[in-house]
């Protein structure tokens, strides 16, 4: 029986940053998919991973990330790339969270970072949305990030559930794999409408 629904943030509740990455690459004459390839190189130890675990400062990230990009053959501005992460709230997903919160436990599982002014990125615009969740797990606060299994174990402990009692939505297959191996039901969000239809089938009640 499903007792909890776990949502990723960017690419699920927010529009995908990958679209913004693609526009940036096209504008700067970078190869398509370049930013994602940089992030996929040494994914547990690279600058992005260190920033999301709050192991390095924002300035250190910028220096390291730009060096990683240069090693991969191209120059970019790290702060410009971080600015692409804002995204837009997806109203249909926010409504689904609201309906889930009325009947089930809800959790927000996000890899994020602390901005220069000390606030977690995008937290301000989440406002009322954050209030819908029983638990919010942020990599920058707990020092662990997806796809580390400890991230999902922490969410389950906070919610008081077993993995098999949860369904998890994320836009990255690499983040879904460990959750699925733990026993969670998983939904990869490519098209939000299709993902919501899948979630409705899992939870057994309308979300739209």
Protein backbone atom coordinates (compact mmCIF):
# COMPACT_ATOMS: atom_id res chain seq x y z
CA UNK A 1 0.00 0.00 0.00
CA UNK A 2 1.32 3.45 -0.93
CA UNK A 3 1.49 5.76 2.07
CA UNK A 4 3.79 8.49 0.74
CA UNK A 5 4.55 10.35 -2.48
CA UNK A 6 8.06 11.78 -2.91
CA UNK A 7 8.72 14.53 -5.43
CA UNK A 8 11.91 15.86 -6.96
CA UNK A 9 12.01 19.64 -7.44
CA UNK A 10 13.69 20.82 -10.65
CA UNK A 11 12.31 18.99 -13.68
CA UNK A 12 9.25 17.78 -11.75
CA UNK A 13 7.59 20.59 -9.78
CA UNK A 14 9.67 23.15 -11.65
CA UNK A 15 10.28 23.16 -15.38
CA UNK A 16 13.43 21.33 -16.41
CA UNK A 17 16.74 23.23 -16.27
CA UNK A 18 17.92 21.15 -19.22
CA UNK A 19 15.88 23.32 -21.59
CA UNK A 20 17.65 26.40 -20.23
CA UNK A 21 21.00 24.62 -20.55
CA UNK A 22 20.25 23.90 -24.21
CA UNK A 23 19.40 27.55 -24.92
CA UNK A 24 22.58 28.71 -23.18
CA UNK A 25 24.69 26.26 -25.17
CA UNK A 26 23.14 27.41 -28.44
CA UNK A 27 23.66 31.08 -27.58
CA UNK A 28 27.31 30.53 -26.57
CA UNK A 29 28.21 28.20 -29.42
CA UNK A 30 28.76 25.25 -27.08
CA UNK A 31 28.16 21.64 -28.15
CA UNK A 32 24.67 20.37 -27.44
CA UNK A 33 24.54 18.66 -24.03
CA UNK A 34 27.92 20.05 -22.97
CA UNK A 35 26.87 21.20 -19.49
CA UNK A 36 25.27 17.86 -18.70
CA UNK A 37 28.38 16.05 -19.90
CA UNK A 38 30.56 18.15 -17.58
CA UNK A 39 28.24 17.30 -14.69
CA UNK A 40 28.28 13.62 -15.60
CA UNK A 41 32.09 13.46 -15.40
CA UNK A 42 33.14 12.24 -11.94
CA UNK A 43 29.54 12.78 -10.74
CA UNK A 44 30.28 11.98 -7.09
CA UNK A 45 33.29 14.25 -6.72
CA UNK A 46 32.98 17.03 -9.30
CA UNK A 47 32.29 20.66 -8.47
CA UNK A 48 28.52 20.35 -8.82
CA UNK A 49 28.36 17.38 -6.45
CA UNK A 50 30.55 19.16 -3.92
CA UNK A 51 28.40 22.30 -4.05
CA UNK A 52 25.17 20.38 -3.55
CA UNK A 53 26.63 18.67 -0.50
CA UNK A 54 27.86 22.06 0.77
CA UNK A 55 31.46 20.89 0.78
CA UNK A 56 32.74 23.94 -1.11
CA UNK A 57 31.79 27.60 -1.29
CA UNK A 58 30.08 29.23 -4.24
CA UNK A 59 33.33 30.92 -5.28
CA UNK A 60 35.20 27.62 -5.07
CA UNK A 61 32.49 25.99 -7.16
CA UNK A 62 32.76 28.62 -9.88
CA UNK A 63 36.52 28.19 -10.13
CA UNK A 64 36.35 24.39 -10.19
CA UNK A 65 33.35 24.14 -12.51
CA UNK A 66 34.89 26.49 -15.05
CA UNK A 67 38.13 24.48 -14.86
CA UNK A 68 36.21 21.25 -15.47
CA UNK A 69 34.53 22.81 -18.48
CA UNK A 70 37.88 24.00 -19.82
CA UNK A 71 39.29 20.49 -19.38
CA UNK A 72 36.33 19.27 -21.45
CA UNK A 73 37.28 21.69 -24.20
CA UNK A 74 35.13 24.81 -23.76
CA UNK A 75 34.81 27.92 -21.61
CA UNK A 76 31.66 28.97 -19.76
CA UNK A 77 30.59 31.24 -16.91
CA UNK A 78 29.63 29.20 -13.84
CA UNK A 79 27.40 31.92 -12.36
CA UNK A 80 25.50 32.20 -15.62
CA UNK A 81 24.93 28.45 -15.57
CA UNK A 82 23.65 28.53 -11.98
CA UNK A 83 21.25 31.31 -12.93
CA UNK A 84 19.62 28.92 -15.41
CA UNK A 85 18.27 26.76 -12.58
CA UNK A 86 15.38 29.05 -11.62
CA UNK A 87 12.68 27.41 -13.70
CA UNK A 88 8.93 27.96 -13.52
CA UNK A 89 6.44 26.27 -11.24
CA UNK A 90 4.25 23.72 -13.00
CA UNK A 91 0.70 24.43 -11.75
CA UNK A 92 -0.53 20.92 -12.54
CA UNK A 93 2.25 19.43 -10.42
CA UNK A 94 1.55 21.81 -7.55
CA UNK A 95 -2.11 20.76 -7.65
CA UNK A 96 -1.05 17.10 -7.61
CA UNK A 97 1.10 17.74 -4.53
CA UNK A 98 -1.84 19.48 -2.85
CA UNK A 99 -4.19 16.56 -3.52
CA UNK A 100 -1.62 14.01 -2.42
CA UNK A 101 -1.01 15.94 0.79
CA UNK A 102 -4.70 15.63 1.68
CA UNK A 103 -4.60 11.82 1.68
CA UNK A 104 -0.97 10.72 1.91
CA UNK A 105 2.39 11.70 3.35
CA UNK A 106 4.43 13.89 1.03
CA UNK A 107 8.14 14.54 0.74
CA UNK A 108 10.27 16.90 -1.34
CA UNK A 109 13.68 15.42 -2.22
CA UNK A 110 15.96 17.96 -3.85
CA UNK A 111 19.62 18.32 -4.72
CA UNK A 112 20.27 22.02 -4.22
CA UNK A 113 22.83 24.52 -2.99
CA UNK A 114 23.15 27.59 -0.79
CA UNK A 115 23.38 30.86 -2.67
CA UNK A 116 25.77 33.67 -1.88
CA UNK A 117 23.22 35.43 0.35
CA UNK A 118 22.76 32.30 2.45
CA UNK A 119 19.38 31.21 1.13
CA UNK A 120 18.77 27.90 -0.56
CA UNK A 121 18.23 28.43 -4.26
CA UNK A 122 14.59 28.85 -5.36
CA UNK A 123 13.26 28.46 -1.82
CA UNK A 124 11.59 31.86 -1.86
CA UNK A 125 9.33 31.15 -4.80
CA UNK A 126 8.29 27.81 -3.35
CA UNK A 127 6.55 29.46 -0.35
CA UNK A 128 3.10 27.90 -0.21
CA UNK A 129 4.29 24.84 -2.13
CA UNK A 130 6.85 23.94 0.52
CA UNK A 131 4.12 24.09 3.14
CA UNK A 132 2.35 21.19 1.41
CA UNK A 133 5.15 18.76 2.25
CA UNK A 134 5.47 16.80 5.46
CA UNK A 135 9.22 16.49 4.91
CA UNK A 136 11.69 18.50 2.82
CA UNK A 137 15.09 16.86 2.31
CA UNK A 138 17.74 19.18 0.81
CA UNK A 139 21.19 17.98 -0.13
CA UNK A 140 22.74 21.29 0.93
CA UNK A 141 21.40 20.81 4.46
CA UNK A 142 21.91 17.07 5.01
CA UNK A 143 25.27 16.74 3.25
CA UNK A 144 24.10 13.86 1.06
CA UNK A 145 22.67 14.04 -2.45
CA UNK A 146 20.75 11.85 -4.84
CA UNK A 147 21.46 9.18 -6.02
CA UNK A 148 23.16 8.21 -2.74
CA UNK A 149 20.82 5.63 -1.10
CA UNK A 150 21.28 7.40 2.24
CA UNK A 151 19.29 10.32 0.87
CA UNK A 152 16.22 8.12 0.33
CA UNK A 153 16.74 6.29 3.62
CA UNK A 154 16.69 9.63 5.41
CA UNK A 155 13.40 10.57 3.74
CA UNK A 156 11.85 7.27 4.79
CA UNK A 157 13.00 7.69 8.37
CA UNK A 158 11.65 11.23 8.53
CA UNK A 159 8.28 10.07 7.19
CA UNK A 160 8.19 6.88 9.25
CA UNK A 161 7.66 4.62 6.25
CA UNK A 162 9.24 1.64 4.54
CA UNK A 163 10.59 2.20 1.00
CA UNK A 164 7.93 -0.09 -0.44
CA UNK A 165 5.26 2.28 0.85
CA UNK A 166 6.48 5.19 -1.29
CA UNK A 167 6.31 6.30 -4.90
CA UNK A 168 9.04 8.66 -6.09
CA UNK A 169 8.97 11.05 -9.07
CA UNK A 170 12.20 12.35 -10.60
CA UNK A 171 13.26 13.46 -14.06
CA UNK A 172 16.58 11.58 -13.95
CA UNK A 173 16.79 7.83 -14.27
CA UNK A 174 20.05 7.77 -12.31
CA UNK A 175 18.15 9.14 -9.30
CA UNK A 176 15.30 6.67 -9.67
CA UNK A 177 17.44 3.54 -9.86
CA UNK A 178 18.53 3.34 -6.19
CA UNK A 179 15.03 4.22 -5.01
CA UNK A 180 13.62 1.40 -7.11
CA UNK A 181 16.25 -1.01 -5.82
CA UNK A 182 15.18 -0.12 -2.27
CA UNK A 183 11.61 -1.10 -3.12
CA UNK A 184 9.99 2.20 -4.03
CA UNK A 185 7.66 2.61 -6.97
CA UNK A 186 9.24 5.10 -9.36
CA UNK A 187 8.02 7.41 -12.11
CA UNK A 188 10.36 9.16 -14.53
CA UNK A 189 9.03 12.60 -15.37
CA UNK A 190 9.60 13.38 -19.03
CA UNK A 191 6.14 14.64 -19.92
CA UNK A 192 4.35 16.00 -16.80
CA UNK A 193 0.89 14.96 -18.02
CA UNK A 194 2.00 11.39 -18.64
CA UNK A 195 3.74 11.28 -15.28
CA UNK A 196 0.60 12.46 -13.50
CA UNK A 197 -1.45 9.79 -15.25
CA UNK A 198 1.03 7.19 -13.98
CA UNK A 199 0.89 8.64 -10.47
CA UNK A 200 -2.91 8.57 -10.50
CA UNK A 201 -2.75 4.87 -11.37
CA UNK A 202 -0.42 4.25 -8.42
CA UNK A 203 -2.26 6.25 -5.75
CA UNK A 204 -5.75 5.43 -6.99
CA UNK A 205 -7.34 8.90 -6.97
CA UNK A 206 -7.50 11.88 -9.36
CA UNK A 207 -4.75 14.49 -9.21
CA UNK A 208 -6.00 16.93 -11.85
